[in-house]
N, C-alpha and C. Protein backbone atom coordinates (compact mmCIF):
# COMPACT_ATOMS: atom_id res chain seq x y z
N ASN A 1 205.28 57.51 133.92
CA ASN A 1 206.56 57.13 134.00
C ASN A 1 207.14 57.45 135.27
N GLY A 2 206.62 57.83 135.99
CA GLY A 2 207.01 58.66 137.07
C GLY A 2 208.10 60.20 137.13
N LEU A 3 207.74 60.58 135.65
CA LEU A 3 208.33 61.39 135.05
C LEU A 3 207.44 63.09 135.75
N GLU A 4 208.69 63.87 136.40
CA GLU A 4 208.16 64.95 136.49
C GLU A 4 208.71 65.83 135.27
N ALA A 5 207.62 66.71 134.75
CA ALA A 5 208.46 67.76 133.68
C ALA A 5 207.26 68.45 133.60
N ALA A 6 207.74 70.00 133.26
CA ALA A 6 207.31 70.69 133.02
C ALA A 6 206.80 71.61 131.20
N PRO A 7 206.29 71.65 130.87
CA PRO A 7 205.30 72.03 129.36
C PRO A 7 206.26 72.70 129.37
N LEU A 8 207.15 73.68 128.00
CA LEU A 8 207.72 73.93 127.13
C LEU A 8 206.72 74.88 125.91
N TYR A 9 205.91 75.43 126.11
CA TYR A 9 204.86 76.35 125.21
C TYR A 9 205.57 77.56 124.50
N HIS A 10 205.69 77.09 123.43
CA HIS A 10 205.98 77.87 121.76
C HIS A 10 204.82 78.75 121.74
N PRO A 11 205.41 80.05 121.50
CA PRO A 11 205.18 81.16 120.54
C PRO A 11 204.40 81.12 119.71
N PRO A 12 203.95 81.79 119.99
CA PRO A 12 202.49 81.90 118.13
C PRO A 12 204.16 82.43 117.10
N PRO A 13 203.47 82.16 115.75
CA PRO A 13 203.65 83.29 114.92
C PRO A 13 203.90 84.29 115.01
N ASP A 14 205.06 85.05 114.27
CA ASP A 14 204.65 86.72 113.85
C ASP A 14 204.29 87.13 116.04
N VAL A 15 205.01 87.26 116.61
CA VAL A 15 204.28 87.63 118.52
C VAL A 15 204.45 89.06 117.82
N ALA A 16 205.97 89.95 117.43
CA ALA A 16 205.73 91.37 117.31
C ALA A 16 204.57 92.03 116.32
N GLY A 17 203.66 91.39 115.78
CA GLY A 17 203.13 91.61 114.72
C GLY A 17 201.41 92.31 115.37
N PHE A 18 201.16 91.72 117.02
CA PHE A 18 199.87 91.71 117.45
C PHE A 18 200.29 93.16 118.34
N TYR A 19 198.91 93.90 118.15
CA TYR A 19 198.93 94.78 119.26
C TYR A 19 197.44 95.35 119.76
N LYS A 20 197.26 96.11 120.67
CA LYS A 20 196.30 96.88 120.84
C LYS A 20 195.90 98.38 120.34
N GLY A 21 194.44 97.57 119.45
CA GLY A 21 193.95 99.15 119.67
C GLY A 21 192.99 99.64 119.94
N ARG A 22 191.72 100.52 119.66
CA ARG A 22 191.29 101.36 120.22
C ARG A 22 189.53 99.97 120.79
N THR A 23 189.03 99.61 121.30
CA THR A 23 188.09 98.55 121.55
C THR A 23 187.27 98.94 121.24
N GLU A 24 186.45 98.41 120.08
CA GLU A 24 185.31 98.45 119.54
C GLU A 24 184.33 97.52 119.96
N ASP A 25 183.11 97.37 119.58
CA ASP A 25 181.58 96.21 120.21
C ASP A 25 181.74 95.08 119.60
N TYR A 26 182.83 94.17 119.64
CA TYR A 26 182.41 93.07 118.41
C TYR A 26 183.60 91.97 119.23
N ILE A 27 182.66 90.84 119.41
CA ILE A 27 183.44 89.27 119.77
C ILE A 27 184.37 88.53 119.07
N TYR A 28 185.18 88.92 118.54
CA TYR A 28 186.58 88.26 117.42
C TYR A 28 186.80 86.79 117.56
N TYR A 29 186.37 85.59 116.95
CA TYR A 29 186.84 84.56 116.81
C TYR A 29 187.74 84.21 115.31
N PRO A 30 189.00 83.72 115.57
CA PRO A 30 189.45 83.09 114.47
C PRO A 30 189.80 81.80 114.50
N SER A 31 189.30 80.97 113.69
CA SER A 31 190.10 79.47 113.76
C SER A 31 189.03 78.98 112.20
N ARG A 32 189.63 78.01 112.10
CA ARG A 32 188.86 76.82 111.10
C ARG A 32 187.61 76.68 111.23
N LEU A 33 186.61 76.61 110.45
CA LEU A 33 185.24 76.50 110.53
C LEU A 33 185.02 75.17 110.49
N GLU A 34 185.02 74.17 111.93
CA GLU A 34 185.23 73.08 111.38
C GLU A 34 184.16 72.81 113.29
N PHE A 35 183.70 71.16 113.48
CA PHE A 35 182.79 71.29 114.51
C PHE A 35 183.88 71.27 115.51
N LEU A 36 184.41 70.60 116.06
CA LEU A 36 185.54 71.12 117.16
C LEU A 36 185.58 72.17 117.62
N LYS A 37 185.63 73.10 116.48
CA LYS A 37 185.98 74.20 117.47
C LYS A 37 184.65 75.23 117.32
N ARG A 38 183.52 74.83 117.59
CA ARG A 38 182.78 75.18 117.81
C ARG A 38 181.65 76.64 117.38
N GLN A 39 182.39 77.41 116.25
CA GLN A 39 181.61 78.87 116.34
C GLN A 39 180.12 78.41 116.57
N ASN A 40 179.37 77.64 116.37
CA ASN A 40 178.02 77.32 116.82
C ASN A 40 177.38 77.84 117.76
N LEU A 41 178.24 77.28 119.38
CA LEU A 41 178.39 78.41 120.55
C LEU A 41 178.17 79.67 120.36
N LEU A 42 179.07 80.15 119.79
CA LEU A 42 178.90 81.68 119.42
C LEU A 42 177.89 82.13 118.61
N ILE A 43 177.35 81.90 117.61
CA ILE A 43 176.01 82.22 116.60
C ILE A 43 174.71 81.81 117.77
N GLU A 44 174.74 80.85 118.52
CA GLU A 44 173.69 80.56 118.90
C GLU A 44 173.59 81.90 120.47
N ALA A 45 174.84 82.22 120.55
CA ALA A 45 174.74 82.87 121.94
C ALA A 45 174.74 84.36 121.22
N ALA A 46 174.48 84.92 120.02
CA ALA A 46 174.26 85.78 118.91
C ALA A 46 172.60 86.27 119.98
N ARG A 47 172.04 84.79 119.17
CA ARG A 47 170.39 85.31 120.11
C ARG A 47 169.99 85.45 121.38
N HIS A 48 171.20 85.48 122.24
CA HIS A 48 170.60 85.70 124.01
C HIS A 48 171.29 87.21 124.34
N LEU A 49 171.63 88.39 123.72
CA LEU A 49 172.69 89.11 123.86
C LEU A 49 171.32 90.38 123.57
N ARG A 50 171.88 90.78 124.96
CA ARG A 50 171.34 92.16 125.67
C ARG A 50 172.13 93.12 124.63
N SER A 51 173.69 92.97 124.59
CA SER A 51 174.08 94.08 124.82
C SER A 51 173.94 94.63 123.01
N PRO A 52 174.83 95.61 122.52
CA PRO A 52 174.61 95.42 120.84
C PRO A 52 175.85 94.01 120.00
N VAL A 53 176.40 93.89 120.93
CA VAL A 53 177.84 93.62 120.48
C VAL A 53 177.53 92.64 119.38
N LYS A 54 178.15 92.29 118.00
CA LYS A 54 178.51 91.84 117.14
C LYS A 54 179.34 90.80 117.32
N ILE A 55 179.15 89.51 116.43
CA ILE A 55 179.86 88.44 116.58
C ILE A 55 180.81 88.99 115.29
N ILE A 56 181.90 88.72 115.06
CA ILE A 56 182.59 88.23 113.99
C ILE A 56 183.73 87.69 113.84
N ILE A 57 183.19 86.02 112.59
CA ILE A 57 184.34 84.62 112.57
C ILE A 57 185.03 84.83 111.94
N GLY A 58 186.51 84.83 112.08
CA GLY A 58 187.04 84.79 110.50
C GLY A 58 188.00 83.17 110.32
N GLY A 59 188.05 82.78 109.49
CA GLY A 59 188.45 81.66 108.28
C GLY A 59 187.53 80.60 107.59
N ASP A 60 187.43 79.93 107.36
CA ASP A 60 186.76 79.08 106.23
C ASP A 60 187.81 77.72 106.89
N GLY A 61 186.04 77.17 106.51
CA GLY A 61 186.42 75.08 106.54
C GLY A 61 185.04 74.52 106.54
N SER A 62 185.12 73.14 106.54
CA SER A 62 183.55 73.00 105.99
C SER A 62 182.74 73.29 106.91
N ASN A 63 182.40 73.49 107.91
CA ASN A 63 181.29 73.79 108.28
C ASN A 63 180.57 75.55 108.01
N ARG A 64 181.53 75.83 106.78
CA ARG A 64 180.61 77.11 106.55
C ARG A 64 178.95 77.84 106.73
N GLU A 65 178.52 75.81 105.41
CA GLU A 65 177.40 76.59 105.31
C GLU A 65 176.84 76.10 105.93
N GLU A 66 177.02 75.04 107.34
CA GLU A 66 176.20 74.90 108.64
C GLU A 66 175.83 75.91 109.20
N TYR A 67 177.09 76.44 109.16
CA TYR A 67 177.16 77.99 110.29
C TYR A 67 176.62 79.48 109.92
N GLN A 68 176.47 79.73 108.34
CA GLN A 68 175.37 80.39 107.33
C GLN A 68 173.98 79.98 107.38
N ARG A 69 173.79 78.23 107.59
CA ARG A 69 172.56 77.90 107.35
C ARG A 69 172.01 78.77 109.20
N LEU A 70 172.88 78.82 110.26
CA LEU A 70 172.46 79.00 111.76
C LEU A 70 171.90 80.50 111.49
N ILE A 71 173.05 81.26 110.80
CA ILE A 71 173.02 82.80 111.01
C ILE A 71 170.96 83.21 110.21
N ASP A 72 171.13 82.76 108.96
CA ASP A 72 170.17 82.29 108.35
C ASP A 72 168.77 82.42 108.71
N GLU A 73 168.50 80.84 109.82
CA GLU A 73 167.67 80.38 110.01
C GLU A 73 167.46 81.17 111.68
N TYR A 74 168.50 81.90 112.08
CA TYR A 74 167.99 83.09 113.45
C TYR A 74 167.65 84.15 113.12
N ALA A 75 167.67 84.49 111.60
CA ALA A 75 167.67 85.93 111.41
C ALA A 75 169.24 86.61 111.73
N LEU A 76 170.24 86.85 112.01
CA LEU A 76 171.17 87.02 112.79
C LEU A 76 172.22 87.96 111.69
N HIS A 77 171.34 88.07 110.66
CA HIS A 77 172.59 88.90 109.58
C HIS A 77 172.89 90.41 110.04
N ALA A 78 172.37 90.79 110.97
CA ALA A 78 173.42 91.92 111.26
C ALA A 78 173.67 92.22 112.83
N ARG A 79 174.01 91.22 112.83
CA ARG A 79 174.43 90.54 114.49
C ARG A 79 175.71 89.50 114.12
N VAL A 80 176.01 88.80 113.14
CA VAL A 80 176.95 87.82 112.75
C VAL A 80 177.34 87.88 111.44
N ARG A 81 178.99 88.08 111.50
CA ARG A 81 179.45 88.49 110.09
C ARG A 81 180.69 87.35 109.85
N LEU A 82 180.58 86.12 108.84
CA LEU A 82 181.54 84.84 108.47
C LEU A 82 182.67 86.04 107.67
N LEU A 83 183.88 86.20 108.14
CA LEU A 83 184.54 86.80 107.42
C LEU A 83 185.53 86.51 106.17
N GLY A 84 185.77 84.88 106.26
CA GLY A 84 186.12 83.60 105.61
C GLY A 84 187.10 84.05 106.13
N HIS A 85 188.62 83.98 104.81
CA HIS A 85 190.16 83.79 104.73
C HIS A 85 190.27 85.02 104.88
N THR A 86 191.19 85.75 106.21
CA THR A 86 191.40 86.91 105.62
C THR A 86 192.87 86.45 106.20
N SER A 87 194.45 87.86 105.74
CA SER A 87 195.67 88.17 106.01
C SER A 87 195.62 88.27 106.85
N VAL A 88 197.48 88.27 107.56
CA VAL A 88 197.28 88.40 108.72
C VAL A 88 197.41 89.52 109.40
N ALA A 89 197.67 90.94 108.79
CA ALA A 89 198.10 91.97 109.13
C ALA A 89 196.32 92.51 109.32
N GLU A 90 195.53 91.59 108.42
CA GLU A 90 193.89 92.16 109.00
C GLU A 90 193.58 91.46 110.00
N LYS A 91 193.93 89.71 110.45
CA LYS A 91 193.70 89.20 111.21
C LYS A 91 194.24 90.24 113.12
N GLN A 92 195.13 90.58 112.49
CA GLN A 92 195.71 91.10 113.62
C GLN A 92 195.22 92.33 113.98
N ALA A 93 194.14 93.43 112.81
CA ALA A 93 193.61 94.48 113.30
C ALA A 93 192.13 93.81 113.84
N TRP A 94 191.93 92.34 113.18
CA TRP A 94 190.35 92.47 114.05
C TRP A 94 191.08 92.15 115.73
N TYR A 95 191.75 91.51 115.78
CA TYR A 95 191.88 91.15 117.27
C TYR A 95 192.32 92.39 118.18
N ALA A 96 193.55 93.28 117.80
CA ALA A 96 193.41 94.87 118.01
C ALA A 96 192.52 95.54 118.44
N HIS A 97 191.15 95.50 117.78
CA HIS A 97 190.33 96.60 117.80
C HIS A 97 189.02 95.02 118.89
N ALA A 98 188.63 94.17 118.72
CA ALA A 98 188.02 93.34 119.64
C ALA A 98 187.74 93.86 121.00
N LEU A 99 186.59 93.52 121.55
CA LEU A 99 186.28 93.87 122.84
C LEU A 99 186.47 92.25 123.44
N ALA A 100 186.70 91.40 122.99
CA ALA A 100 187.37 90.22 123.65
C ALA A 100 187.24 89.33 122.63
N VAL A 101 187.83 87.93 122.42
CA VAL A 101 187.80 87.01 121.82
C VAL A 101 187.58 86.08 122.67
N PHE A 102 186.57 85.15 121.52
CA PHE A 102 186.20 83.87 122.01
C PHE A 102 186.58 82.84 121.43
N TYR A 103 187.33 81.87 122.46
CA TYR A 103 187.90 80.54 121.68
C TYR A 103 187.13 79.53 122.94
N GLY A 104 186.45 78.66 122.56
CA GLY A 104 185.70 78.19 122.94
C GLY A 104 185.72 76.72 122.06
N PRO A 105 187.09 75.45 121.29
CA PRO A 105 186.81 74.49 120.72
C PRO A 105 187.09 73.20 121.66
N TYR A 106 186.36 72.31 121.72
CA TYR A 106 186.67 70.52 122.44
C TYR A 106 187.80 70.73 122.59
N ASP A 107 187.75 70.02 123.96
CA ASP A 107 189.03 69.88 124.43
C ASP A 107 190.22 70.29 123.38
N GLU A 108 191.00 71.58 122.74
CA GLU A 108 191.91 71.77 122.07
C GLU A 108 193.42 71.45 122.80
N ASP A 109 194.33 70.67 122.15
CA ASP A 109 195.16 70.37 123.06
C ASP A 109 196.36 71.77 122.90
N TYR A 110 196.30 72.78 121.92
CA TYR A 110 197.28 73.71 122.38
C TYR A 110 196.39 75.32 121.90
N GLY A 111 196.27 75.65 121.16
CA GLY A 111 195.94 76.64 119.76
C GLY A 111 196.53 77.74 120.59
N TYR A 112 196.77 78.60 119.30
CA TYR A 112 197.87 79.98 119.46
C TYR A 112 196.34 80.80 119.41
N VAL A 113 195.31 80.96 119.06
CA VAL A 113 193.95 81.41 119.39
C VAL A 113 194.40 82.51 121.18
N THR A 114 193.84 81.69 122.13
CA THR A 114 194.37 82.06 123.34
C THR A 114 195.58 83.51 123.19
N LEU A 115 196.53 82.78 122.78
CA LEU A 115 197.84 83.61 122.95
C LEU A 115 198.08 84.77 122.20
N GLU A 116 197.58 84.46 120.62
CA GLU A 116 197.26 85.57 119.71
C GLU A 116 196.37 86.73 120.93
N ALA A 117 195.02 86.37 121.53
CA ALA A 117 194.72 87.64 122.23
C ALA A 117 195.25 88.16 123.13
N MET A 118 196.15 87.30 124.22
CA MET A 118 196.69 87.79 125.13
C MET A 118 197.63 88.97 124.73
N LEU A 119 198.78 88.72 123.34
CA LEU A 119 199.03 89.38 122.37
C LEU A 119 198.63 90.79 122.44
N SER A 120 197.46 90.74 121.74
CA SER A 120 196.82 91.78 121.72
C SER A 120 195.89 92.62 122.30
N SER A 121 195.72 92.41 123.88
CA SER A 121 195.51 92.75 125.26
C SER A 121 194.00 92.57 125.23
N LYS A 122 193.43 91.52 124.48
CA LYS A 122 191.93 91.37 124.85
C LYS A 122 191.53 89.87 126.08
N PRO A 123 190.59 89.75 126.41
CA PRO A 123 190.23 89.11 127.30
C PRO A 123 189.70 88.07 126.72
N VAL A 124 189.77 86.27 126.83
CA VAL A 124 189.61 85.36 126.26
C VAL A 124 188.41 84.99 127.01
N ILE A 125 187.21 84.65 126.22
CA ILE A 125 186.05 83.69 126.85
C ILE A 125 186.35 82.37 126.19
N THR A 126 185.97 81.36 127.25
CA THR A 126 186.30 80.02 126.97
C THR A 126 185.95 79.04 127.45
N CYS A 127 185.59 77.74 127.54
CA CYS A 127 184.42 77.25 128.56
C CYS A 127 185.43 75.91 129.06
N GLU A 128 184.61 75.43 129.85
CA GLU A 128 185.43 74.20 130.61
C GLU A 128 185.57 73.38 130.25
N ASP A 129 185.17 72.95 129.10
CA ASP A 129 185.53 71.48 128.03
C ASP A 129 186.67 71.66 126.70
N SER A 130 187.18 73.18 127.00
CA SER A 130 188.26 74.00 126.10
C SER A 130 189.59 73.08 125.95
N GLY A 131 189.43 72.64 126.87
CA GLY A 131 191.92 72.00 126.75
C GLY A 131 192.33 73.29 127.37
N GLY A 132 192.78 73.44 126.16
CA GLY A 132 194.05 73.95 126.17
C GLY A 132 194.27 75.28 126.39
N PRO A 133 192.93 76.00 126.13
CA PRO A 133 192.95 77.80 126.51
C PRO A 133 192.80 77.76 128.16
N LEU A 134 192.39 76.57 128.69
CA LEU A 134 192.32 76.65 130.16
C LEU A 134 194.07 76.80 131.15
N GLU A 135 194.85 76.38 130.12
CA GLU A 135 196.18 76.84 130.83
C GLU A 135 196.51 77.94 131.18
N PHE A 136 196.03 79.07 130.36
CA PHE A 136 196.48 80.35 130.00
C PHE A 136 195.19 81.43 130.68
N VAL A 137 193.65 81.01 130.41
CA VAL A 137 192.63 81.97 130.48
C VAL A 137 192.68 81.70 132.08
N GLN A 138 192.75 82.56 132.96
CA GLN A 138 192.28 82.85 134.69
C GLN A 138 191.19 83.85 134.30
N HIS A 139 190.05 82.42 135.37
CA HIS A 139 189.14 83.30 135.70
C HIS A 139 188.39 84.63 135.98
N GLY A 140 188.18 85.93 135.57
CA GLY A 140 188.18 86.84 136.18
C GLY A 140 189.56 87.92 136.04
N GLU A 141 190.48 87.43 135.76
CA GLU A 141 191.53 87.78 135.69
C GLU A 141 192.29 88.26 134.06
N THR A 142 192.45 86.96 133.37
CA THR A 142 192.50 87.61 132.11
C THR A 142 191.70 86.93 131.30
N GLY A 143 190.66 86.51 131.23
CA GLY A 143 189.11 86.18 130.63
C GLY A 143 188.13 85.58 131.53
N LEU A 144 187.55 84.27 130.79
CA LEU A 144 186.23 84.01 131.48
C LEU A 144 185.93 82.85 131.08
N VAL A 145 185.99 81.77 131.86
CA VAL A 145 185.30 80.55 132.14
C VAL A 145 184.10 80.27 132.29
N GLN A 146 183.40 79.35 131.19
CA GLN A 146 182.28 79.00 131.48
C GLN A 146 181.60 77.71 131.12
N SER A 147 180.40 77.00 130.96
CA SER A 147 179.79 75.74 130.41
C SER A 147 179.89 76.35 129.21
N ALA A 148 179.46 75.20 127.97
CA ALA A 148 179.76 75.17 126.96
C ALA A 148 178.26 75.53 126.77
N GLU A 149 177.90 76.50 127.14
CA GLU A 149 175.90 76.95 127.24
C GLU A 149 175.59 78.24 126.02
N PRO A 150 175.30 78.77 125.00
CA PRO A 150 174.77 79.40 124.74
C PRO A 150 174.47 80.75 125.28
N GLU A 151 173.21 80.92 126.20
CA GLU A 151 173.17 81.55 126.89
C GLU A 151 174.43 81.95 128.40
N GLN A 152 174.65 81.25 128.73
CA GLN A 152 175.94 82.24 129.70
C GLN A 152 177.13 82.66 128.57
N ILE A 153 177.56 81.52 127.59
CA ILE A 153 178.20 82.54 126.66
C ILE A 153 177.68 83.81 126.49
N ALA A 154 176.72 84.29 125.85
CA ALA A 154 176.05 85.82 125.81
C ALA A 154 176.29 86.66 127.14
N ALA A 155 175.45 85.90 128.84
CA ALA A 155 175.46 86.46 129.66
C ALA A 155 177.20 87.12 129.45
N ASN A 156 178.31 86.35 129.57
CA ASN A 156 179.42 86.91 129.73
C ASN A 156 179.82 87.93 128.85
N ILE A 157 179.69 88.29 127.39
CA ILE A 157 179.90 88.68 126.09
C ILE A 157 179.36 90.13 126.75
N ASP A 158 178.13 89.95 127.35
CA ASP A 158 177.57 91.44 127.73
C ASP A 158 177.68 92.27 128.80
N TRP A 159 178.29 90.99 130.63
CA TRP A 159 178.97 91.45 131.32
C TRP A 159 180.08 92.07 130.77
N LEU A 160 181.39 91.84 129.68
CA LEU A 160 182.02 92.29 129.16
C LEU A 160 181.91 93.50 128.80
N TYR A 161 180.28 94.20 128.07
CA TYR A 161 180.03 95.01 127.29
C TYR A 161 179.64 95.65 128.65
N PHE A 162 178.81 95.49 129.05
CA PHE A 162 179.03 96.42 130.52
C PHE A 162 179.37 96.94 131.50
N ASN A 163 180.83 96.26 131.53
CA ASN A 163 181.84 96.51 132.47
C ASN A 163 182.98 96.60 131.78
N ARG A 164 183.53 97.85 130.73
CA ARG A 164 184.07 97.62 129.67
C ARG A 164 185.40 98.33 130.61
N THR A 165 185.36 98.70 130.82
CA THR A 165 186.66 99.11 131.74
C THR A 165 187.45 97.65 132.21
N ARG A 166 186.80 97.01 133.49
CA ARG A 166 186.84 95.69 133.30
C ARG A 166 187.29 94.95 132.19
N ALA A 167 186.76 95.13 131.35
CA ALA A 167 187.29 94.26 130.32
C ALA A 167 188.92 94.64 129.53
N ILE A 168 188.58 95.80 129.66
CA ILE A 168 190.51 96.50 129.42
C ILE A 168 191.36 95.91 130.25
N GLU A 169 191.09 95.76 131.68
CA GLU A 169 191.87 96.05 132.74
C GLU A 169 192.36 94.34 132.50
N MET A 170 191.64 93.33 132.13
CA MET A 170 191.71 91.73 132.50
C MET A 170 192.43 91.86 131.20
N GLY A 171 192.63 92.72 129.77
CA GLY A 171 193.04 91.94 128.93
C GLY A 171 194.53 92.98 128.95
N ARG A 172 194.49 94.05 129.85
CA ARG A 172 196.07 93.60 129.87
C ARG A 172 196.09 93.35 131.06
N ALA A 173 196.00 92.35 131.95
CA ALA A 173 196.22 91.53 132.81
C ALA A 173 196.56 90.10 131.98
N ALA A 174 195.47 90.03 130.34
CA ALA A 174 195.78 88.89 130.10
C ALA A 174 198.07 89.34 129.29
N ARG A 175 198.26 90.42 129.01
CA ARG A 175 199.00 90.39 127.90
C ARG A 175 200.80 90.38 128.63
N ALA A 176 199.99 90.59 130.40
CA ALA A 176 201.02 90.93 131.82
C ALA A 176 201.51 89.46 131.82
N TYR A 177 200.56 89.17 131.53
CA TYR A 177 200.09 87.39 131.78
C TYR A 177 201.59 86.62 130.61
N PHE A 178 201.26 86.62 129.80
CA PHE A 178 201.78 86.26 128.55
C PHE A 178 202.95 86.63 128.58
N GLY A 179 203.54 87.92 128.78
CA GLY A 179 204.97 88.53 129.01
C GLY A 179 205.62 87.63 130.39
N GLU A 180 205.13 87.30 131.70
CA GLU A 180 205.61 86.13 133.02
C GLU A 180 206.16 85.04 132.14
N LEU A 181 204.81 84.20 131.31
CA LEU A 181 205.25 82.93 130.81
C LEU A 181 207.19 82.77 130.20
N ASP A 182 207.60 83.98 129.47
CA ASP A 182 208.60 83.67 129.04
C ASP A 182 208.76 82.72 127.70
N MET A 183 207.65 83.05 126.92
CA MET A 183 207.10 81.82 125.60
C MET A 183 208.05 82.33 124.58
N SER A 184 208.96 81.91 124.42
CA SER A 184 209.94 82.80 123.34
C SER A 184 210.68 81.03 122.89
N TRP A 185 211.23 80.56 121.77
CA TRP A 185 212.23 79.49 121.26
C TRP A 185 213.28 79.91 121.57
N GLU A 186 214.01 81.36 122.16
CA GLU A 186 214.93 80.91 122.83
C GLU A 186 215.07 80.41 124.51
N HIS A 187 213.60 80.64 124.88
CA HIS A 187 213.56 79.63 126.34
C HIS A 187 213.02 77.76 126.41
N VAL A 188 213.03 77.88 125.26
CA VAL A 188 212.13 76.27 125.00
C VAL A 188 213.86 75.48 124.52
N VAL A 189 214.45 76.54 123.51
CA VAL A 189 215.83 75.61 123.48
C VAL A 189 216.67 75.67 124.31
N SER A 190 216.84 76.89 125.06
CA SER A 190 217.85 77.13 126.32
C SER A 190 217.45 75.36 127.47
N ARG A 191 215.91 75.60 127.62
CA ARG A 191 215.15 74.23 128.28
C ARG A 191 215.71 73.36 127.74
N LEU A 192 215.45 72.81 126.89
CA LEU A 192 216.08 71.41 125.92
C LEU A 192 217.37 71.40 125.70
N LEU A 193 218.62 71.92 126.26
CA LEU A 193 219.85 71.58 125.63
C LEU A 193 220.41 71.85 127.26
N GLY A 194 219.61 72.80 128.13
CA GLY A 194 220.42 72.99 129.53
C GLY A 194 220.74 71.83 130.45
């Protein structure tokens, strides 16, 4: 319709509850276990890792049995863990101590995972076709963007592990970028009413 409009991003719930903790050797992916969320990419990537990084997947959903089958098939029990449902506090703690967060859904419209990772000072690994996360993840600055290929995802996880200082710097940059976005309900309401 020839209209020019700036998107008004709203913040995730409980912004103040997210924090940065001591970085540990795991990649965290909290989301519903559904086909479009593509946890299978991360499970498949675990087969190609050269580093000792573990994969922690939070959430539940209709694909849980399929993801467990992949873990069983590839004997990834020591590498990949399906947490199931977690409390908000548990989720925030998993974010806080992760090396990075993976969020690689297919054509997501928005998604809180990217924002929650940024609030936790974590870089986000996402895919070129993931949609919404690409509005926030700046490749090489606040995270990493690659094709939706398990081998490439594994290579990026390994890179973060072997370049831990850079990974921590990217997490700090992600948190700073979240602050620059002025993502608050007050901002949204003032723009709508202004």
